[in-house]
Amino acid sequence: MEPYRTHPPRRTPPDHSHRRRPLRPSPARDRARWVLPQLVGEVRYTSRTHAGRLRHPSWHRLRPDLAPDDVT
């Protein structure tokens, strides 16, 4: 029987969060952690509700060909 192998410890990712609320009006979240975008992902959805929320959202893929500044 092969002994149990452990993976080397993962590096802790840098903390890119901050407490400043970038949205106006701010959502009612006292303990929210806001982060700066570093990756772009593609999400597909069927439609939007009257309130502007996505209906049936699902993750599609990561988009390494786009930078956050290209889409925001």
N, C-alpha and C. Protein backbone atom coordinates (compact mmCIF):
# COMPACT_ATOMS: atom_id res chain seq x y z
N MET A 1 0.84 -1.18 0.00
CA MET A 1 0.00 0.00 0.00
C MET A 1 0.88 1.24 0.00
N GLU A 2 0.55 2.18 -0.86
CA GLU A 2 1.34 3.40 -0.98
C GLU A 2 1.03 4.35 0.17
N PRO A 3 2.07 4.96 0.76
CA PRO A 3 1.79 5.90 1.86
C PRO A 3 1.02 7.12 1.36
N TYR A 4 0.31 7.73 2.25
CA TYR A 4 -0.47 8.93 1.94
C TYR A 4 0.46 10.06 1.56
N ARG A 5 0.25 10.64 0.39
CA ARG A 5 1.07 11.76 -0.07
C ARG A 5 0.33 13.07 0.15
N THR A 6 1.03 14.03 0.65
CA THR A 6 0.43 15.35 0.82
C THR A 6 0.98 16.30 -0.23
N HIS A 7 0.21 17.26 -0.56
CA HIS A 7 0.65 18.29 -1.50
C HIS A 7 1.44 19.33 -0.74
N PRO A 8 2.38 19.98 -1.42
CA PRO A 8 3.09 21.06 -0.73
C PRO A 8 2.10 22.16 -0.34
N PRO A 9 2.39 22.90 0.71
CA PRO A 9 1.45 23.95 1.12
C PRO A 9 1.27 24.98 0.01
N ARG A 10 0.04 25.41 -0.18
CA ARG A 10 -0.24 26.42 -1.20
C ARG A 10 0.18 27.79 -0.70
N ARG A 11 0.62 28.59 -1.65
CA ARG A 11 0.91 29.97 -1.28
C ARG A 11 -0.41 30.68 -1.03
N THR A 12 -0.42 31.51 -0.04
CA THR A 12 -1.61 32.30 0.24
C THR A 12 -1.71 33.40 -0.80
N PRO A 13 -2.84 33.50 -1.50
CA PRO A 13 -2.95 34.55 -2.51
C PRO A 13 -2.94 35.93 -1.86
N PRO A 14 -2.44 36.91 -2.58
CA PRO A 14 -2.43 38.26 -2.00
C PRO A 14 -3.84 38.76 -1.74
N ASP A 15 -3.98 39.52 -0.70
CA ASP A 15 -5.30 40.04 -0.33
C ASP A 15 -5.55 41.33 -1.12
N HIS A 16 -6.46 41.27 -2.08
CA HIS A 16 -6.78 42.43 -2.91
C HIS A 16 -8.09 43.07 -2.49
N SER A 17 -8.56 42.71 -1.32
CA SER A 17 -9.84 43.24 -0.89
C SER A 17 -9.68 44.57 -0.17
N HIS A 18 -10.76 45.29 -0.10
CA HIS A 18 -10.78 46.56 0.62
C HIS A 18 -12.18 46.80 1.14
N ARG A 19 -12.34 47.75 2.03
CA ARG A 19 -13.63 47.99 2.65
C ARG A 19 -14.43 49.10 1.95
N ARG A 20 -13.81 49.83 1.03
CA ARG A 20 -14.51 50.91 0.34
C ARG A 20 -15.59 50.31 -0.55
N ARG A 21 -16.76 50.89 -0.52
CA ARG A 21 -17.89 50.38 -1.31
C ARG A 21 -17.94 51.08 -2.66
N PRO A 22 -17.67 50.34 -3.74
CA PRO A 22 -17.61 50.98 -5.05
C PRO A 22 -18.97 51.25 -5.69
N LEU A 23 -20.02 50.69 -5.15
CA LEU A 23 -21.34 50.83 -5.77
C LEU A 23 -22.16 51.91 -5.08
N ARG A 24 -22.92 52.64 -5.86
CA ARG A 24 -23.82 53.66 -5.32
C ARG A 24 -25.20 53.42 -5.89
N PRO A 25 -26.22 53.22 -5.14
CA PRO A 25 -26.22 53.09 -3.70
C PRO A 25 -25.59 51.76 -3.27
N SER A 26 -25.01 51.75 -2.10
CA SER A 26 -24.33 50.56 -1.60
C SER A 26 -25.33 49.49 -1.19
N PRO A 27 -25.04 48.23 -1.52
CA PRO A 27 -25.90 47.15 -1.03
C PRO A 27 -25.83 47.07 0.49
N ALA A 28 -26.85 46.55 1.11
CA ALA A 28 -26.91 46.46 2.57
C ALA A 28 -26.09 45.26 3.04
N ARG A 29 -24.79 45.37 2.99
CA ARG A 29 -23.88 44.31 3.42
C ARG A 29 -22.81 44.95 4.30
N ASP A 30 -22.95 44.80 5.62
CA ASP A 30 -22.01 45.42 6.54
C ASP A 30 -20.64 44.75 6.51
N ARG A 31 -20.61 43.44 6.33
CA ARG A 31 -19.34 42.71 6.41
C ARG A 31 -18.82 42.32 5.02
N ALA A 32 -19.22 43.02 3.99
CA ALA A 32 -18.80 42.69 2.63
C ALA A 32 -17.32 43.01 2.44
N ARG A 33 -16.64 42.19 1.62
CA ARG A 33 -15.26 42.43 1.23
C ARG A 33 -15.26 42.70 -0.26
N TRP A 34 -14.85 43.87 -0.66
CA TRP A 34 -14.83 44.24 -2.07
C TRP A 34 -13.46 43.92 -2.65
N VAL A 35 -13.42 43.44 -3.87
CA VAL A 35 -12.15 43.09 -4.51
C VAL A 35 -12.05 43.79 -5.87
N LEU A 36 -10.83 43.97 -6.32
CA LEU A 36 -10.60 44.54 -7.64
C LEU A 36 -10.57 43.42 -8.66
N PRO A 37 -11.18 43.60 -9.83
CA PRO A 37 -11.21 42.52 -10.81
C PRO A 37 -9.82 42.25 -11.38
N GLN A 38 -9.48 40.96 -11.49
CA GLN A 38 -8.21 40.56 -12.08
C GLN A 38 -8.40 39.57 -13.22
N LEU A 39 -9.51 38.85 -13.20
CA LEU A 39 -9.82 37.86 -14.23
C LEU A 39 -11.17 38.20 -14.86
N VAL A 40 -11.38 37.71 -16.07
CA VAL A 40 -12.65 37.91 -16.76
C VAL A 40 -13.27 36.54 -17.01
N GLY A 41 -14.51 36.39 -16.62
CA GLY A 41 -15.22 35.15 -16.87
C GLY A 41 -16.46 35.42 -17.69
N GLU A 42 -16.90 34.40 -18.41
CA GLU A 42 -18.09 34.53 -19.25
C GLU A 42 -19.23 33.77 -18.57
N VAL A 43 -20.33 34.46 -18.35
CA VAL A 43 -21.52 33.88 -17.73
C VAL A 43 -22.65 33.97 -18.73
N ARG A 44 -23.37 32.88 -18.89
CA ARG A 44 -24.52 32.89 -19.79
C ARG A 44 -25.79 32.90 -18.96
N TYR A 45 -26.83 33.52 -19.51
CA TYR A 45 -28.10 33.59 -18.79
C TYR A 45 -29.23 33.66 -19.81
N THR A 46 -30.44 33.33 -19.36
CA THR A 46 -31.56 33.31 -20.30
C THR A 46 -32.13 34.69 -20.54
N SER A 47 -32.25 35.51 -19.50
CA SER A 47 -32.77 36.87 -19.63
C SER A 47 -32.48 37.64 -18.35
N ARG A 48 -33.00 38.85 -18.27
CA ARG A 48 -32.88 39.66 -17.06
C ARG A 48 -34.27 39.88 -16.49
N THR A 49 -34.34 39.98 -15.17
CA THR A 49 -35.62 40.28 -14.53
C THR A 49 -35.90 41.78 -14.65
N HIS A 50 -37.08 42.20 -14.23
CA HIS A 50 -37.41 43.63 -14.24
C HIS A 50 -36.51 44.40 -13.29
N ALA A 51 -36.00 43.73 -12.26
CA ALA A 51 -35.11 44.36 -11.29
C ALA A 51 -33.66 44.40 -11.79
N GLY A 52 -33.38 43.83 -12.96
CA GLY A 52 -32.04 43.86 -13.52
C GLY A 52 -31.17 42.68 -13.13
N ARG A 53 -31.72 41.70 -12.44
CA ARG A 53 -30.96 40.51 -12.05
C ARG A 53 -30.94 39.50 -13.20
N LEU A 54 -29.89 38.65 -13.21
CA LEU A 54 -29.79 37.63 -14.25
C LEU A 54 -30.71 36.47 -13.93
N ARG A 55 -31.39 35.97 -14.95
CA ARG A 55 -32.27 34.82 -14.78
C ARG A 55 -31.54 33.58 -15.29
N HIS A 56 -31.42 32.56 -14.46
CA HIS A 56 -30.75 31.29 -14.76
C HIS A 56 -29.29 31.50 -15.19
N PRO A 57 -28.48 32.20 -14.39
CA PRO A 57 -27.08 32.38 -14.78
C PRO A 57 -26.29 31.09 -14.60
N SER A 58 -25.32 30.87 -15.47
CA SER A 58 -24.42 29.72 -15.34
C SER A 58 -23.04 30.10 -15.86
N TRP A 59 -22.04 29.58 -15.18
CA TRP A 59 -20.65 29.84 -15.54
C TRP A 59 -20.36 29.16 -16.87
N HIS A 60 -19.72 29.88 -17.80
CA HIS A 60 -19.39 29.30 -19.09
C HIS A 60 -17.90 29.03 -19.22
N ARG A 61 -17.07 30.07 -19.05
CA ARG A 61 -15.63 29.87 -19.18
C ARG A 61 -14.87 31.09 -18.70
N LEU A 62 -13.60 30.88 -18.48
CA LEU A 62 -12.67 31.95 -18.16
C LEU A 62 -12.18 32.55 -19.47
N ARG A 63 -12.03 33.87 -19.51
CA ARG A 63 -11.61 34.55 -20.74
C ARG A 63 -10.22 35.16 -20.56
N PRO A 64 -9.16 34.39 -20.76
CA PRO A 64 -7.81 34.93 -20.59
C PRO A 64 -7.42 35.94 -21.68
N ASP A 65 -8.21 36.00 -22.77
CA ASP A 65 -7.91 36.94 -23.85
C ASP A 65 -8.42 38.35 -23.55
N LEU A 66 -9.19 38.53 -22.47
CA LEU A 66 -9.73 39.84 -22.11
C LEU A 66 -9.16 40.31 -20.77
N ALA A 67 -8.97 41.60 -20.67
CA ALA A 67 -8.56 42.22 -19.40
C ALA A 67 -9.79 42.84 -18.75
N PRO A 68 -9.82 42.94 -17.42
CA PRO A 68 -10.97 43.55 -16.75
C PRO A 68 -11.30 44.94 -17.27
N ASP A 69 -10.30 45.71 -17.64
CA ASP A 69 -10.56 47.07 -18.15
C ASP A 69 -11.25 47.05 -19.51
N ASP A 70 -11.15 45.94 -20.23
CA ASP A 70 -11.79 45.85 -21.55
C ASP A 70 -13.31 45.69 -21.44
N VAL A 71 -13.79 45.18 -20.32
CA VAL A 71 -15.21 44.86 -20.21
C VAL A 71 -15.96 45.67 -19.15
N THR A 72 -15.27 46.42 -18.32
CA THR A 72 -15.96 47.20 -17.29
C THR A 72 -15.98 48.67 -17.65
